[in-house]
Amino acid sequence: MARFRQLIEVSQEHAIVCDTCDFTIQGTSDDIDKDIKQYINRECPKCGDNLLTKEDYELHIKLRNFVIFVNKWFSWVTVFIKEPDKPQQIEVHYHNGVKFTNIKN
């Protein structure tokens, strides 16, 4: 079976970013779920705020599963689409919901 490029490519700079003080934690494995699950309802070592709520973690899982679904079932359309010179980059931030920010290239 032919291998298609993914419609949505995922890269993650940090496993956790504190919403209050921008304290960051790097991922330690290729499994981001394993990396971030341990921070649910844990205090930020810098400011004491909650690093990751259970609700925000669940939103992360839903979005991740959606991306997996899209790539699994619709990546075949990349055969008909020219690869862009500059791919569109979107930053996703979870805090009381999901926030998408367009990153200017």
PDB file of N, CA and C in Angstrom:
ATOM      1  N   MET A   1       0.837  -1.186   0.000  1.00  0.00           N
ATOM      2  CA  MET A   1       0.000   0.000   0.000  1.00  0.00           C
ATOM      3  C   MET A   1       0.880   1.246   0.000  1.00  0.00           C
ATOM      4  N   ALA A   2       0.521   2.221  -0.814  1.00  0.00           N
ATOM      5  CA  ALA A   2       1.294   3.455  -0.916  1.00  0.00           C
ATOM      6  C   ALA A   2       1.197   4.257   0.386  1.00  0.00           C
ATOM      7  N   ARG A   3       2.266   4.929   0.717  1.00  0.00           N
ATOM      8  CA  ARG A   3       2.306   5.765   1.927  1.00  0.00           C
ATOM      9  C   ARG A   3       2.104   7.211   1.497  1.00  0.00           C
ATOM     10  N   PHE A   4       1.075   7.851   2.021  1.00  0.00           N
ATOM     11  CA  PHE A   4       0.780   9.241   1.702  1.00  0.00           C
ATOM     12  C   PHE A   4       1.347  10.147   2.785  1.00  0.00           C
ATOM     13  N   ARG A   5       1.654  11.379   2.402  1.00  0.00           N
ATOM     14  CA  ARG A   5       2.058  12.328   3.445  1.00  0.00           C
ATOM     15  C   ARG A   5       0.823  12.704   4.258  1.00  0.00           C
ATOM     16  N   GLN A   6       1.029  13.137   5.464  1.00  0.00           N
ATOM     17  CA  GLN A   6      -0.089  13.458   6.340  1.00  0.00           C
ATOM     18  C   GLN A   6      -0.668  14.822   5.996  1.00  0.00           C
ATOM     19  N   LEU A   7      -1.982  14.942   6.120  1.00  0.00           N
ATOM     20  CA  LEU A   7      -2.632  16.238   5.940  1.00  0.00           C
ATOM     21  C   LEU A   7      -2.286  17.165   7.098  1.00  0.00           C
ATOM     22  N   ILE A   8      -2.260  16.612   8.310  1.00  0.00           N
ATOM     23  CA  ILE A   8      -1.954  17.402   9.500  1.00  0.00           C
ATOM     24  C   ILE A   8      -0.716  16.810  10.155  1.00  0.00           C
ATOM     25  N   GLU A   9       0.374  17.557  10.112  1.00  0.00           N
ATOM     26  CA  GLU A   9       1.600  17.120  10.771  1.00  0.00           C
ATOM     27  C   GLU A   9       1.664  17.765  12.142  1.00  0.00           C
ATOM     28  N   VAL A  10       2.050  16.975  13.125  1.00  0.00           N
ATOM     29  CA  VAL A  10       2.069  17.445  14.503  1.00  0.00           C
ATOM     30  C   VAL A  10       3.507  17.503  14.994  1.00  0.00           C
ATOM     31  N   SER A  11       3.846  18.626  15.606  1.00  0.00           N
ATOM     32  CA  SER A  11       5.120  18.742  16.321  1.00  0.00           C
ATOM     33  C   SER A  11       4.824  19.458  17.629  1.00  0.00           C
ATOM     34  N   GLN A  12       5.541  19.097  18.639  1.00  0.00           N
ATOM     35  CA  GLN A  12       5.272  19.660  19.951  1.00  0.00           C
ATOM     36  C   GLN A  12       6.577  20.179  20.524  1.00  0.00           C
ATOM     37  N   GLU A  13       6.598  21.497  20.808  1.00  0.00           N
ATOM     38  CA  GLU A  13       7.793  22.122  21.353  1.00  0.00           C
ATOM     39  C   GLU A  13       7.964  21.797  22.834  1.00  0.00           C
ATOM     40  N   HIS A  14       6.880  21.900  23.603  1.00  0.00           N
ATOM     41  CA  HIS A  14       6.917  21.631  25.037  1.00  0.00           C
ATOM     42  C   HIS A  14       5.796  20.680  25.404  1.00  0.00           C
ATOM     43  N   ALA A  15       6.025  19.848  26.431  1.00  0.00           N
ATOM     44  CA  ALA A  15       4.956  18.972  26.912  1.00  0.00           C
ATOM     45  C   ALA A  15       3.941  19.785  27.697  1.00  0.00           C
ATOM     46  N   ILE A  16       4.417  20.698  28.533  1.00  0.00           N
ATOM     47  CA  ILE A  16       3.550  21.515  29.390  1.00  0.00           C
ATOM     48  C   ILE A  16       4.062  22.949  29.389  1.00  0.00           C
ATOM     49  N   VAL A  17       3.125  23.911  29.329  1.00  0.00           N
ATOM     50  CA  VAL A  17       3.434  25.332  29.497  1.00  0.00           C
ATOM     51  C   VAL A  17       2.451  25.874  30.526  1.00  0.00           C
ATOM     52  N   CYS A  18       2.961  26.458  31.602  1.00  0.00           N
ATOM     53  CA  CYS A  18       2.093  27.038  32.629  1.00  0.00           C
ATOM     54  C   CYS A  18       1.378  28.253  32.046  1.00  0.00           C
ATOM     55  N   ASP A  19       0.072  28.347  32.301  1.00  0.00           N
ATOM     56  CA  ASP A  19      -0.730  29.446  31.768  1.00  0.00           C
ATOM     57  C   ASP A  19      -0.460  30.758  32.487  1.00  0.00           C
ATOM     58  N   THR A  20       0.065  30.696  33.700  1.00  0.00           N
ATOM     59  CA  THR A  20       0.268  31.893  34.506  1.00  0.00           C
ATOM     60  C   THR A  20       1.661  32.493  34.327  1.00  0.00           C
ATOM     61  N   CYS A  21       2.691  31.660  34.405  1.00  0.00           N
ATOM     62  CA  CYS A  21       4.059  32.207  34.416  1.00  0.00           C
ATOM     63  C   CYS A  21       4.910  31.753  33.233  1.00  0.00           C
ATOM     64  N   ASP A  22       4.354  30.973  32.301  1.00  0.00           N
ATOM     65  CA  ASP A  22       5.064  30.459  31.132  1.00  0.00           C
ATOM     66  C   ASP A  22       6.204  29.500  31.468  1.00  0.00           C
ATOM     67  N   PHE A  23       6.168  28.875  32.656  1.00  0.00           N
ATOM     68  CA  PHE A  23       7.100  27.807  33.000  1.00  0.00           C
ATOM     69  C   PHE A  23       6.868  26.669  32.018  1.00  0.00           C
ATOM     70  N   THR A  24       7.923  26.063  31.486  1.00  0.00           N
ATOM     71  CA  THR A  24       7.776  24.995  30.505  1.00  0.00           C
ATOM     72  C   THR A  24       8.424  23.706  30.981  1.00  0.00           C
ATOM     73  N   ILE A  25       7.872  22.606  30.519  1.00  0.00           N
ATOM     74  CA  ILE A  25       8.431  21.286  30.778  1.00  0.00           C
ATOM     75  C   ILE A  25       8.580  20.598  29.427  1.00  0.00           C
ATOM     76  N   GLN A  26       9.764  20.103  29.153  1.00  0.00           N
ATOM     77  CA  GLN A  26      10.023  19.406  27.894  1.00  0.00           C
ATOM     78  C   GLN A  26       9.475  17.994  27.955  1.00  0.00           C
ATOM     79  N   GLY A  27       9.064  17.473  26.812  1.00  0.00           N
ATOM     80  CA  GLY A  27       8.646  16.080  26.734  1.00  0.00           C
ATOM     81  C   GLY A  27       9.857  15.175  26.878  1.00  0.00           C
ATOM     82  N   THR A  28       9.652  14.008  27.473  1.00  0.00           N
ATOM     83  CA  THR A  28      10.767  13.093  27.702  1.00  0.00           C
ATOM     84  C   THR A  28      10.691  11.835  26.846  1.00  0.00           C
ATOM     85  N   SER A  29       9.586  11.666  26.117  1.00  0.00           N
ATOM     86  CA  SER A  29       9.454  10.474  25.278  1.00  0.00           C
ATOM     87  C   SER A  29       8.719  10.843  23.988  1.00  0.00           C
ATOM     88  N   ASP A  30       8.576   9.873  23.113  1.00  0.00           N
ATOM     89  CA  ASP A  30       7.821  10.095  21.877  1.00  0.00           C
ATOM     90  C   ASP A  30       6.316  10.037  22.123  1.00  0.00           C
ATOM     91  N   ASP A  31       5.916   9.576  23.298  1.00  0.00           N
ATOM     92  CA  ASP A  31       4.496   9.453  23.649  1.00  0.00           C
ATOM     93  C   ASP A  31       4.077  10.679  24.462  1.00  0.00           C
ATOM     94  N   ILE A  32       3.491  11.684  23.808  1.00  0.00           N
ATOM     95  CA  ILE A  32       3.126  12.930  24.476  1.00  0.00           C
ATOM     96  C   ILE A  32       2.071  12.699  25.553  1.00  0.00           C
ATOM     97  N   ASP A  33       1.186  11.716  25.346  1.00  0.00           N
ATOM     98  CA  ASP A  33       0.166  11.439  26.361  1.00  0.00           C
ATOM     99  C   ASP A  33       0.812  10.970  27.662  1.00  0.00           C
ATOM    100  N   LYS A  34       1.812  10.133  27.534  1.00  0.00           N
ATOM    101  CA  LYS A  34       2.547   9.658  28.720  1.00  0.00           C
ATOM    102  C   LYS A  34       3.249  10.837  29.394  1.00  0.00           C
ATOM    103  N   ASP A  35       3.798  11.737  28.594  1.00  0.00           N
ATOM    104  CA  ASP A  35       4.512  12.894  29.141  1.00  0.00           C
ATOM    105  C   ASP A  35       3.593  13.827  29.917  1.00  0.00           C
ATOM    106  N   ILE A  36       2.413  14.119  29.385  1.00  0.00           N
ATOM    107  CA  ILE A  36       1.589  15.149  30.019  1.00  0.00           C
ATOM    108  C   ILE A  36       0.611  14.617  31.058  1.00  0.00           C
ATOM    109  N   LYS A  37       0.222  13.355  30.959  1.00  0.00           N
ATOM    110  CA  LYS A  37      -0.775  12.813  31.880  1.00  0.00           C
ATOM    111  C   LYS A  37      -0.330  12.946  33.338  1.00  0.00           C
ATOM    112  N   GLN A  38       0.947  12.850  33.588  1.00  0.00           N
ATOM    113  CA  GLN A  38       1.459  12.932  34.953  1.00  0.00           C
ATOM    114  C   GLN A  38       1.318  14.334  35.567  1.00  0.00           C
ATOM    115  N   TYR A  39       0.983  15.340  34.753  1.00  0.00           N
ATOM    116  CA  TYR A  39       0.876  16.712  35.255  1.00  0.00           C
ATOM    117  C   TYR A  39      -0.560  17.168  35.507  1.00  0.00           C
ATOM    118  N   ILE A  40      -1.521  16.252  35.357  1.00  0.00           N
ATOM    119  CA  ILE A  40      -2.918  16.616  35.630  1.00  0.00           C
ATOM    120  C   ILE A  40      -3.051  17.000  37.109  1.00  0.00           C
ATOM    121  N   ASN A  41      -3.584  18.203  37.345  1.00  0.00           N
ATOM    122  CA  ASN A  41      -3.826  18.755  38.686  1.00  0.00           C
ATOM    123  C   ASN A  41      -2.564  18.854  39.542  1.00  0.00           C
ATOM    124  N   ARG A  42      -1.406  19.028  38.906  1.00  0.00           N
ATOM    125  CA  ARG A  42      -0.161  19.250  39.645  1.00  0.00           C
ATOM    126  C   ARG A  42       0.143  20.741  39.657  1.00  0.00           C
ATOM    127  N   GLU A  43       0.741  21.198  40.742  1.00  0.00           N
ATOM    128  CA  GLU A  43       1.091  22.620  40.868  1.00  0.00           C
ATOM    129  C   GLU A  43       2.338  22.948  40.077  1.00  0.00           C
ATOM    130  N   CYS A  44       2.356  24.138  39.514  1.00  0.00           N
ATOM    131  CA  CYS A  44       3.547  24.653  38.838  1.00  0.00           C
ATOM    132  C   CYS A  44       4.613  24.894  39.907  1.00  0.00           C
ATOM    133  N   PRO A  45       5.831  24.415  39.706  1.00  0.00           N
ATOM    134  CA  PRO A  45       6.880  24.631  40.700  1.00  0.00           C
ATOM    135  C   PRO A  45       7.304  26.093  40.819  1.00  0.00           C
ATOM    136  N   LYS A  46       6.980  26.898  39.816  1.00  0.00           N
ATOM    137  CA  LYS A  46       7.385  28.299  39.821  1.00  0.00           C
ATOM    138  C   LYS A  46       6.337  29.207  40.477  1.00  0.00           C
ATOM    139  N   CYS A  47       5.033  29.014  40.115  1.00  0.00           N
ATOM    140  CA  CYS A  47       4.006  29.942  40.608  1.00  0.00           C
ATOM    141  C   CYS A  47       2.908  29.282  41.437  1.00  0.00           C
ATOM    142  N   GLY A  48       2.816  27.945  41.414  1.00  0.00           N
ATOM    143  CA  GLY A  48       1.815  27.246  42.195  1.00  0.00           C
ATOM    144  C   GLY A  48       0.476  27.041  41.501  1.00  0.00           C
ATOM    145  N   ASP A  49       0.299  27.558  40.283  1.00  0.00           N
ATOM    146  CA  ASP A  49      -0.954  27.380  39.545  1.00  0.00           C
ATOM    147  C   ASP A  49      -1.056  25.931  39.058  1.00  0.00           C
ATOM    148  N   ASN A  50      -2.265  25.515  38.696  1.00  0.00           N
ATOM    149  CA  ASN A  50      -2.496  24.175  38.174  1.00  0.00           C
ATOM    150  C   ASN A  50      -1.870  24.077  36.777  1.00  0.00           C
ATOM    151  N   LEU A  51      -0.993  23.093  36.566  1.00  0.00           N
ATOM    152  CA  LEU A  51      -0.332  22.945  35.270  1.00  0.00           C
ATOM    153  C   LEU A  51      -1.269  22.411  34.186  1.00  0.00           C
ATOM    154  N   LEU A  52      -2.160  21.481  34.547  1.00  0.00           N
ATOM    155  CA  LEU A  52      -3.030  20.867  33.552  1.00  0.00           C
ATOM    156  C   LEU A  52      -4.295  20.356  34.230  1.00  0.00           C
ATOM    157  N   THR A  53      -5.428  20.901  33.829  1.00  0.00           N
ATOM    158  CA  THR A  53      -6.692  20.408  34.384  1.00  0.00           C
ATOM    159  C   THR A  53      -7.097  19.137  33.653  1.00  0.00           C
ATOM    160  N   LYS A  54      -7.920  18.340  34.298  1.00  0.00           N
ATOM    161  CA  LYS A  54      -8.424  17.113  33.676  1.00  0.00           C
ATOM    162  C   LYS A  54      -9.227  17.453  32.422  1.00  0.00           C
ATOM    163  N   GLU A  55      -9.985  18.549  32.469  1.00  0.00           N
ATOM    164  CA  GLU A  55     -10.787  18.955  31.316  1.00  0.00           C
ATOM    165  C   GLU A  55      -9.900  19.318  30.125  1.00  0.00           C
ATOM    166  N   ASP A  56      -8.810  20.067  30.380  1.00  0.00           N
ATOM    167  CA  ASP A  56      -7.902  20.436  29.288  1.00  0.00           C
ATOM    168  C   ASP A  56      -7.180  19.208  28.733  1.00  0.00           C
ATOM    169  N   TYR A  57      -6.832  18.262  29.603  1.00  0.00           N
ATOM    170  CA  TYR A  57      -6.219  17.013  29.138  1.00  0.00           C
ATOM    171  C   TYR A  57      -7.187  16.252  28.234  1.00  0.00           C
ATOM    172  N   GLU A  58      -8.467  16.188  28.630  1.00  0.00           N
ATOM    173  CA  GLU A  58      -9.460  15.488  27.816  1.00  0.00           C
ATOM    174  C   GLU A  58      -9.659  16.172  26.464  1.00  0.00           C
ATOM    175  N   LEU A  59      -9.595  17.507  26.433  1.00  0.00           N
ATOM    176  CA  LEU A  59      -9.670  18.223  25.146  1.00  0.00           C
ATOM    177  C   LEU A  59      -8.472  17.875  24.265  1.00  0.00           C
ATOM    178  N   HIS A  60      -7.307  17.779  24.884  1.00  0.00           N
ATOM    179  CA  HIS A  60      -6.099  17.394  24.146  1.00  0.00           C
ATOM    180  C   HIS A  60      -6.284  16.016  23.506  1.00  0.00           C
ATOM    181  N   ILE A  61      -6.821  15.071  24.260  1.00  0.00           N
ATOM    182  CA  ILE A  61      -7.031  13.714  23.744  1.00  0.00           C
ATOM    183  C   ILE A  61      -8.027  13.730  22.582  1.00  0.00           C
ATOM    184  N   LYS A  62      -9.112  14.493  22.714  1.00  0.00           N
ATOM    185  CA  LYS A  62     -10.108  14.580  21.645  1.00  0.00           C
ATOM    186  C   LYS A  62      -9.508  15.173  20.375  1.00  0.00           C
ATOM    187  N   LEU A  63      -8.738  16.248  20.506  1.00  0.00           N
ATOM    188  CA  LEU A  63      -8.122  16.863  19.329  1.00  0.00           C
ATOM    189  C   LEU A  63      -7.089  15.927  18.710  1.00  0.00           C
ATOM    190  N   ARG A  64      -6.295  15.277  19.536  1.00  0.00           N
ATOM    191  CA  ARG A  64      -5.309  14.328  19.030  1.00  0.00           C
ATOM    192  C   ARG A  64      -5.999  13.208  18.265  1.00  0.00           C
ATOM    193  N   ASN A  65      -7.083  12.671  18.801  1.00  0.00           N
ATOM    194  CA  ASN A  65      -7.809  11.590  18.122  1.00  0.00           C
ATOM    195  C   ASN A  65      -8.426  12.069  16.806  1.00  0.00           C
ATOM    196  N   PHE A  66      -8.878  13.322  16.770  1.00  0.00           N
ATOM    197  CA  PHE A  66      -9.415  13.889  15.533  1.00  0.00           C
ATOM    198  C   PHE A  66      -8.317  13.973  14.459  1.00  0.00           C
ATOM    199  N   VAL A  67      -7.130  14.426  14.844  1.00  0.00           N
ATOM    200  CA  VAL A  67      -6.006  14.524  13.905  1.00  0.00           C
ATOM    201  C   VAL A  67      -5.635  13.140  13.383  1.00  0.00           C
ATOM    202  N   ILE A  68      -5.598  12.153  14.255  1.00  0.00           N
ATOM    203  CA  ILE A  68      -5.295  10.783  13.839  1.00  0.00           C
ATOM    204  C   ILE A  68      -6.348  10.291  12.842  1.00  0.00           C
ATOM    205  N   PHE A  69      -7.622  10.565  13.124  1.00  0.00           N
ATOM    206  CA  PHE A  69      -8.704  10.163  12.233  1.00  0.00           C
ATOM    207  C   PHE A  69      -8.555  10.806  10.851  1.00  0.00           C
ATOM    208  N   VAL A  70      -8.336  12.117  10.828  1.00  0.00           N
ATOM    209  CA  VAL A  70      -8.196  12.835   9.551  1.00  0.00           C
ATOM    210  C   VAL A  70      -7.014  12.279   8.762  1.00  0.00           C
ATOM    211  N   ASN A  71      -5.879  12.093   9.421  1.00  0.00           N
ATOM    212  CA  ASN A  71      -4.706  11.580   8.715  1.00  0.00           C
ATOM    213  C   ASN A  71      -4.905  10.152   8.224  1.00  0.00           C
ATOM    214  N   LYS A  72      -5.610   9.345   8.990  1.00  0.00           N
ATOM    215  CA  LYS A  72      -5.827   7.949   8.601  1.00  0.00           C
ATOM    216  C   LYS A  72      -6.754   7.843   7.386  1.00  0.00           C
ATOM    217  N   TRP A  73      -7.836   8.606   7.390  1.00  0.00           N
ATOM    218  CA  TRP A  73      -8.859   8.428   6.368  1.00  0.00           C
ATOM    219  C   TRP A  73      -8.780   9.400   5.196  1.00  0.00           C
ATOM    220  N   PHE A  74      -8.053  10.501   5.333  1.00  0.00           N
ATOM    221  CA  PHE A  74      -8.080  11.507   4.266  1.00  0.00           C
ATOM    222  C   PHE A  74      -6.709  11.902   3.712  1.00  0.00           C
ATOM    223  N   SER A  75      -5.643  11.268   4.170  1.00  0.00           N
ATOM    224  CA  SER A  75      -4.320  11.617   3.645  1.00  0.00           C
ATOM    225  C   SER A  75      -4.148  11.247   2.184  1.00  0.00           C
ATOM    226  N   TRP A  76      -5.010  10.385   1.665  1.00  0.00           N
ATOM    227  CA  TRP A  76      -4.932  10.010   0.258  1.00  0.00           C
ATOM    228  C   TRP A  76      -5.107  11.223  -0.656  1.00  0.00           C
ATOM    229  N   VAL A  77      -5.785  12.272  -0.182  1.00  0.00           N
ATOM    230  CA  VAL A  77      -5.989  13.443  -1.041  1.00  0.00           C
ATOM    231  C   VAL A  77      -4.680  14.187  -1.307  1.00  0.00           C
ATOM    232  N   THR A  78      -3.632  13.896  -0.536  1.00  0.00           N
ATOM    233  CA  THR A  78      -2.350  14.574  -0.769  1.00  0.00           C
ATOM    234  C   THR A  78      -1.753  14.217  -2.123  1.00  0.00           C
ATOM    235  N   VAL A  79      -2.238  13.134  -2.723  1.00  0.00           N
ATOM    236  CA  VAL A  79      -1.792  12.760  -4.072  1.00  0.00           C
ATOM    237  C   VAL A  79      -2.154  13.858  -5.061  1.00  0.00           C
ATOM    238  N   PHE A  80      -3.257  14.558  -4.802  1.00  0.00           N
ATOM    239  CA  PHE A  80      -3.768  15.573  -5.717  1.00  0.00           C
ATOM    240  C   PHE A  80      -3.393  16.997  -5.314  1.00  0.00           C
ATOM    241  N   ILE A  81      -2.700  17.145  -4.189  1.00  0.00           N
ATOM    242  CA  ILE A  81      -2.369  18.474  -3.668  1.00  0.00           C
ATOM    243  C   ILE A  81      -0.858  18.656  -3.694  1.00  0.00           C
ATOM    244  N   LYS A  82      -0.422  19.763  -4.283  1.00  0.00           N
ATOM    245  CA  LYS A  82       1.003  20.083  -4.281  1.00  0.00           C
ATOM    246  C   LYS A  82       1.434  20.416  -2.844  1.00  0.00           C
ATOM    247  N   GLU A  83       2.589  19.909  -2.466  1.00  0.00           N
ATOM    248  CA  GLU A  83       3.091  20.212  -1.122  1.00  0.00           C
ATOM    249  C   GLU A  83       3.415  21.701  -1.046  1.00  0.00           C
ATOM    250  N   PRO A  84       2.917  22.412  -0.038  1.00  0.00           N
ATOM    251  CA  PRO A  84       3.126  23.860   0.037  1.00  0.00           C
ATOM    252  C   PRO A  84       4.593  24.215   0.304  1.00  0.00           C
ATOM    253  N   ASP A  85       5.027  25.359  -0.251  1.00  0.00           N
ATOM    254  CA  ASP A  85       6.387  25.831   0.000  1.00  0.00           C
ATOM    255  C   ASP A  85       6.570  26.156   1.476  1.00  0.00           C
ATOM    256  N   LYS A  86       5.551  26.809   2.044  1.00  0.00           N
ATOM    257  CA  LYS A  86       5.564  27.138   3.465  1.00  0.00           C
ATOM    258  C   LYS A  86       4.298  26.568   4.095  1.00  0.00           C
ATOM    259  N   PRO A  87       4.427  25.469   4.825  1.00  0.00           N
ATOM    260  CA  PRO A  87       3.228  24.891   5.441  1.00  0.00           C
ATOM    261  C   PRO A  87       2.595  25.861   6.449  1.00  0.00           C
ATOM    262  N   GLN A  88       1.292  25.804   6.552  1.00  0.00           N
ATOM    263  CA  GLN A  88       0.567  26.614   7.529  1.00  0.00           C
ATOM    264  C   GLN A  88       0.866  26.071   8.920  1.00  0.00           C
ATOM    265  N   GLN A  89       1.232  26.944   9.850  1.00  0.00           N
ATOM    266  CA  GLN A  89       1.519  26.514  11.214  1.00  0.00           C
ATOM    267  C   GLN A  89       0.505  27.129  12.171  1.00  0.00           C
ATOM    268  N   ILE A  90      -0.054  26.283  13.013  1.00  0.00           N
ATOM    269  CA  ILE A  90      -1.036  26.693  13.994  1.00  0.00           C
ATOM    270  C   ILE A  90      -0.544  26.257  15.370  1.00  0.00           C
ATOM    271  N   GLU A  91      -0.596  27.169  16.324  1.00  0.00           N
ATOM    272  CA  GLU A  91      -0.257  26.826  17.708  1.00  0.00           C
ATOM    273  C   GLU A  91      -1.554  26.507  18.442  1.00  0.00           C
ATOM    274  N   VAL A  92      -1.549  25.427  19.202  1.00  0.00           N
ATOM    275  CA  VAL A  92      -2.722  25.019  19.968  1.00  0.00           C
ATOM    276  C   VAL A  92      -2.384  25.140  21.444  1.00  0.00           C
ATOM    277  N   HIS A  93      -3.273  25.815  22.175  1.00  0.00           N
ATOM    278  CA  HIS A  93      -3.058  26.003  23.612  1.00  0.00           C
ATOM    279  C   HIS A  93      -4.339  25.618  24.339  1.00  0.00           C
ATOM    280  N   TYR A  94      -4.191  24.784  25.361  1.00  0.00           N
ATOM    281  CA  TYR A  94      -5.332  24.344  26.157  1.00  0.00           C
ATOM    282  C   TYR A  94      -5.347  25.098  27.481  1.00  0.00           C
ATOM    283  N   HIS A  95      -6.407  25.841  27.715  1.00  0.00           N
ATOM    284  CA  HIS A  95      -6.638  26.490  29.009  1.00  0.00           C
ATOM    285  C   HIS A  95      -8.096  26.929  29.029  1.00  0.00           C
ATOM    286  N   ASN A  96      -8.905  26.230  29.798  1.00  0.00           N
ATOM    287  CA  ASN A  96     -10.349  26.479  29.823  1.00  0.00           C
ATOM    288  C   ASN A  96     -10.919  26.442  28.406  1.00  0.00           C
ATOM    289  N   GLY A  97     -10.511  25.463  27.651  1.00  0.00           N
ATOM    290  CA  GLY A  97     -10.903  25.315  26.262  1.00  0.00           C
ATOM    291  C   GLY A  97      -9.658  25.247  25.382  1.00  0.00           C
ATOM    292  N   VAL A  98      -9.882  25.268  24.099  1.00  0.00           N
ATOM    293  CA  VAL A  98      -8.779  25.181  23.150  1.00  0.00           C
ATOM    294  C   VAL A  98      -8.654  26.507  22.429  1.00  0.00           C
ATOM    295  N   LYS A  99      -7.418  26.997  22.301  1.00  0.00           N
ATOM    296  CA  LYS A  99      -7.164  28.238  21.578  1.00  0.00           C
ATOM    297  C   LYS A  99      -6.194  27.931  20.427  1.00  0.00           C
ATOM    298  N   PHE A 100      -6.577  28.333  19.215  1.00  0.00           N
ATOM    299  CA  PHE A 100      -5.743  28.146  18.030  1.00  0.00           C
ATOM    300  C   PHE A 100      -5.180  29.501  17.623  1.00  0.00           C
ATOM    301  N   THR A 101      -3.878  29.555  17.393  1.00  0.00           N
ATOM    302  CA  THR A 101      -3.229  30.779  16.974  1.00  0.00           C
ATOM    303  C   THR A 101      -2.432  30.515  15.699  1.00  0.00           C
ATOM    304  N   ASN A 102      -2.663  31.336  14.673  1.00  0.00           N
ATOM    305  CA  ASN A 102      -1.921  31.218  13.427  1.00  0.00           C
ATOM    306  C   ASN A 102      -0.511  31.764  13.659  1.00  0.00           C
ATOM    307  N   ILE A 103       0.501  30.978  13.303  1.00  0.00           N
ATOM    308  CA  ILE A 103       1.885  31.419  13.445  1.00  0.00           C
ATOM    309  C   ILE A 103       2.347  31.952  12.100  1.00  0.00           C
ATOM    310  N   LYS A 104       2.796  33.183  12.070  1.00  0.00           N
ATOM    311  CA  LYS A 104       3.284  33.793  10.829  1.00  0.00           C
ATOM    312  C   LYS A 104       4.639  33.241  10.490  1.00  0.00           C
ATOM    313  N   ASN A 105       4.795  32.762   9.252  1.00  0.00           N
ATOM    314  CA  ASN A 105       6.098  32.210   8.797  1.00  0.00           C
ATOM    315  C   ASN A 105       6.950  33.306   8.263  1.00  0.00           C
TER     316      ASN A 105
END
